[in-house]
Amino acid sequence: MKILVIDDHAILRKGILSILKKEFKDSIYFEASNGIEALSILRNIEMDLIVSDIAMPNLNGIDFLKQLKAMEIKSPVLILSVMPEDQYALRALKAGAVGFLPKDCKAKELLKAVKTILSGKKHITPAISNLMINSIGVKQINNQHELLSDREIMVLHNIAQGHSLTDISENLGLSINTVSTYRARIIKKLNLKNNASIIRYALDNDLG
């Protein structure tokens, strides 16, 4: 069995690998620090499982999932992220993930999710199940941030974390001009004025 772990933080990547290696001793493991590195591996090697972060430079987890779909790579992807579950889980599943877990989950929760996915099923937590049920048949926009694209949501999250445009540029692998464009779109779509109002909105809507 081949497993690929993708995370831009080496210490977290090694921690995930350590947990998996104790349970799946005979597996072959690969690692990458971002989506671009992962795609270069996946062009030559088919994985039985991919565990990926969302917020990564050069190619984030959501865009990585979309690229996999475009390239017709069928390897199942479990998203493991610090991003708020209620804001990112459905986006990740819609993009092609088969499961979503917060990074502060326990090792046994991670292993349970991995075993579920390896059995050919999706890993849907009760919280995500409720989100899916609540989203069925809901056509109206309940929150303005639902109008934001996946990339705009990630920029908003970074601003809410207090990152500068330069920091966000490095975090997401985008030019500063592109980040500025996304920031302007966020301000326009949410009818805000500046970073302070973006941060306030993010905190009020659990997007930080």
Protein backbone atom coordinates (compact mmCIF):
# COMPACT_ATOMS: atom_id res chain seq x y z
CA MET A 1 0.00 0.00 0.00
CA LYS A 2 1.27 3.45 -0.92
CA ILE A 3 0.44 6.54 1.18
CA LEU A 4 1.31 10.17 0.44
CA VAL A 5 1.28 12.85 3.16
CA ILE A 6 1.22 16.51 2.10
CA ASP A 7 1.88 19.37 4.53
CA ASP A 8 4.13 22.41 4.34
CA HIS A 9 5.12 22.05 8.00
CA ALA A 10 7.75 19.30 8.24
CA ILE A 11 7.17 18.60 11.94
CA LEU A 12 3.44 18.01 11.37
CA ARG A 13 4.14 15.93 8.28
CA LYS A 14 6.55 13.73 10.24
CA GLY A 15 4.04 13.41 13.07
CA ILE A 16 1.30 12.19 10.73
CA LEU A 17 3.72 9.76 9.09
CA SER A 18 4.77 8.43 12.49
CA ILE A 19 1.16 7.67 13.46
CA LEU A 20 0.45 5.94 10.16
CA LYS A 21 3.68 3.93 10.13
CA LYS A 22 2.92 2.40 13.54
CA GLU A 23 -0.44 1.13 12.27
CA PHE A 24 0.41 0.31 8.65
CA LYS A 25 3.93 -1.06 8.98
CA ASP A 26 4.17 -2.66 5.54
CA SER A 27 3.08 0.42 3.59
CA ILE A 28 5.35 2.57 1.43
CA TYR A 29 5.29 6.24 2.37
CA PHE A 30 5.85 9.41 0.38
CA GLU A 31 5.76 13.04 1.47
CA ALA A 32 5.44 16.47 -0.13
CA SER A 33 5.39 20.03 1.21
CA ASN A 34 2.76 21.35 -1.22
CA GLY A 35 0.39 20.39 -4.00
CA ILE A 36 2.88 20.95 -6.80
CA GLU A 37 5.41 18.57 -5.25
CA ALA A 38 2.62 16.07 -4.70
CA LEU A 39 1.46 16.21 -8.31
CA SER A 40 4.99 15.53 -9.54
CA ILE A 41 4.99 12.35 -7.44
CA LEU A 42 1.48 11.34 -8.49
CA ARG A 43 2.33 11.59 -12.18
CA ASN A 44 4.51 8.51 -11.74
CA ILE A 45 3.11 6.67 -8.73
CA GLU A 46 -0.50 5.74 -7.95
CA MET A 47 -1.38 6.14 -4.26
CA ASP A 48 -3.83 4.12 -2.20
CA LEU A 49 -4.32 7.11 0.11
CA ILE A 50 -3.41 10.79 0.22
CA VAL A 51 -3.52 12.82 3.44
CA SER A 52 -3.33 16.54 2.69
CA ASP A 53 -3.42 19.92 4.39
CA ILE A 54 -5.43 22.79 2.87
CA ALA A 55 -3.37 25.93 3.55
CA MET A 56 -0.13 25.35 1.64
CA PRO A 57 2.06 27.54 -0.59
CA ASN A 58 2.24 27.18 -4.39
CA LEU A 59 -0.83 24.93 -4.64
CA ASN A 60 -3.28 24.71 -1.74
CA GLY A 61 -5.33 21.68 -0.82
CA ILE A 62 -8.56 22.76 -2.52
CA ASP A 63 -6.82 23.58 -5.80
CA PHE A 64 -4.83 20.35 -5.47
CA LEU A 65 -8.09 18.39 -5.29
CA LYS A 66 -9.37 20.14 -8.40
CA GLN A 67 -6.13 19.33 -10.22
CA LEU A 68 -6.45 15.67 -9.28
CA LYS A 69 -9.94 15.60 -10.74
CA ALA A 70 -8.76 17.32 -13.93
CA MET A 71 -5.90 14.81 -14.27
CA GLU A 72 -8.30 11.92 -13.55
CA ILE A 73 -6.22 10.74 -10.60
CA LYS A 74 -8.52 8.56 -8.50
CA SER A 75 -6.48 8.26 -5.30
CA PRO A 76 -8.71 9.03 -2.26
CA VAL A 77 -7.81 12.20 -0.35
CA LEU A 78 -8.33 12.82 3.37
CA ILE A 79 -8.05 16.49 4.28
CA LEU A 80 -6.41 17.18 7.64
CA SER A 81 -6.52 20.89 8.40
CA VAL A 82 -6.61 23.65 11.01
CA MET A 83 -9.21 25.44 8.90
CA PRO A 84 -12.69 25.68 10.50
CA GLU A 85 -14.62 22.50 9.73
CA ASP A 86 -17.94 24.28 9.25
CA GLN A 87 -16.45 26.61 6.63
CA TYR A 88 -14.09 24.32 4.73
CA ALA A 89 -15.31 20.72 5.00
CA LEU A 90 -18.07 20.99 2.40
CA ARG A 91 -15.79 22.94 0.06
CA ALA A 92 -13.19 20.19 0.34
CA LEU A 93 -15.71 17.40 -0.20
CA LYS A 94 -17.20 19.23 -3.18
CA ALA A 95 -13.70 19.53 -4.65
CA GLY A 96 -13.22 15.77 -4.38
CA ALA A 97 -12.00 14.88 -0.88
CA VAL A 98 -13.41 11.73 0.73
CA GLY A 99 -12.96 12.94 4.30
CA PHE A 100 -12.10 15.95 6.45
CA LEU A 101 -10.57 16.05 9.93
CA PRO A 102 -9.26 18.88 12.12
CA LYS A 103 -5.54 18.71 12.88
CA ASP A 104 -6.23 18.63 16.61
CA CYS A 105 -7.98 15.27 16.26
CA LYS A 106 -6.65 12.30 18.24
CA ALA A 107 -4.46 9.66 16.61
CA LYS A 108 -7.23 7.07 16.91
CA GLU A 109 -9.61 9.39 15.03
CA LEU A 110 -7.10 9.76 12.21
CA LEU A 111 -6.58 6.00 12.03
CA LYS A 112 -10.33 5.38 12.05
CA ALA A 113 -10.77 7.80 9.15
CA VAL A 114 -7.91 6.20 7.20
CA LYS A 115 -9.31 2.68 7.69
CA THR A 116 -12.77 3.83 6.60
CA ILE A 117 -11.36 5.39 3.45
CA LEU A 118 -9.17 2.39 2.65
CA SER A 119 -12.30 0.22 2.85
CA GLY A 120 -13.71 2.26 -0.03
CA LYS A 121 -16.02 4.52 1.97
CA LYS A 122 -16.07 8.22 2.72
CA HIS A 123 -15.28 9.39 6.24
CA ILE A 124 -18.05 11.77 7.26
CA THR A 125 -18.05 13.02 10.87
CA PRO A 126 -21.38 13.76 12.60
CA ALA A 127 -20.61 17.49 12.37
CA ILE A 128 -20.02 17.30 8.62
CA SER A 129 -23.11 15.13 8.20
CA ASN A 130 -25.18 17.87 9.83
CA LEU A 131 -23.61 20.46 7.55
CA MET A 132 -24.52 18.36 4.52
CA ILE A 133 -28.10 17.88 5.69
CA ASN A 134 -28.52 21.58 6.38
CA SER A 135 -27.15 22.47 2.95
CA ILE A 136 -29.62 20.26 1.05
CA GLY A 137 -32.17 22.32 -0.80
CA VAL A 138 -30.81 25.60 0.54
CA LYS A 139 -30.51 27.91 -2.43
CA GLN A 140 -30.54 31.25 -0.72
CA ILE A 141 -27.31 32.83 0.52
CA ASN A 142 -27.49 32.81 4.31
CA ASN A 143 -24.10 34.46 4.81
CA GLN A 144 -22.36 36.87 2.49
CA HIS A 145 -19.12 34.91 2.68
CA GLU A 146 -20.85 32.05 0.85
CA LEU A 147 -20.40 34.26 -2.21
CA LEU A 148 -16.61 34.04 -1.87
CA SER A 149 -14.53 31.67 -3.97
CA ASP A 150 -12.32 29.05 -2.32
CA ARG A 151 -9.25 31.23 -2.89
CA GLU A 152 -10.98 34.34 -1.51
CA ILE A 153 -11.96 32.39 1.61
CA MET A 154 -8.33 31.40 2.13
CA VAL A 155 -7.13 34.99 1.74
CA LEU A 156 -9.81 36.13 4.20
CA HIS A 157 -8.69 33.47 6.67
CA ASN A 158 -5.08 34.64 6.39
CA ILE A 159 -6.05 38.29 6.89
CA ALA A 160 -8.07 37.26 9.95
CA GLN A 161 -4.93 35.59 11.30
CA GLY A 162 -3.15 38.95 11.11
CA HIS A 163 -0.92 38.11 8.15
CA SER A 164 0.34 40.90 5.91
CA LEU A 165 -0.13 40.82 2.13
CA THR A 166 3.50 39.70 1.83
CA ASP A 167 2.92 36.87 4.31
CA ILE A 168 -0.23 35.78 2.48
CA SER A 169 1.62 35.90 -0.82
CA GLU A 170 4.21 33.48 0.57
CA ASN A 171 1.66 31.29 2.36
CA LEU A 172 -0.50 30.77 -0.72
CA GLY A 173 2.17 30.97 -3.38
CA LEU A 174 0.56 34.00 -5.04
CA SER A 175 1.94 37.35 -6.16
CA ILE A 176 1.26 40.33 -3.90
CA ASN A 177 -0.79 41.90 -6.70
CA THR A 178 -2.98 38.80 -6.90
CA VAL A 179 -3.48 38.79 -3.14
CA SER A 180 -4.42 42.48 -3.31
CA THR A 181 -6.97 41.67 -6.01
CA TYR A 182 -8.55 38.95 -3.86
CA ARG A 183 -8.59 41.31 -0.89
CA ALA A 184 -10.40 43.93 -2.98
CA ARG A 185 -12.97 41.34 -4.09
CA ILE A 186 -13.54 40.29 -0.48
CA ILE A 187 -14.11 43.89 0.58
CA LYS A 188 -16.53 44.44 -2.30
CA LYS A 189 -18.51 41.21 -1.87
CA LEU A 190 -18.82 41.57 1.91
CA ASN A 191 -19.36 45.33 1.79
CA LEU A 192 -16.41 45.99 4.09
CA LYS A 193 -13.90 48.83 4.29
CA ASN A 194 -10.47 47.64 5.41
CA ASN A 195 -8.52 44.85 7.09
CA ALA A 196 -9.95 45.70 10.49
CA SER A 197 -13.49 45.17 9.20
CA ILE A 198 -12.40 41.95 7.46
CA ILE A 199 -10.97 40.64 10.74
CA ARG A 200 -14.12 41.64 12.62
CA TYR A 201 -16.30 39.88 10.04
CA ALA A 202 -14.13 36.76 10.18
CA LEU A 203 -14.32 36.60 13.97
CA ASP A 204 -18.09 37.16 13.96
CA ASN A 205 -18.56 34.31 11.48
CA ASP A 206 -15.96 31.84 12.84
CA LEU A 207 -13.76 32.24 9.78
CA GLY A 208 -10.59 33.05 11.68
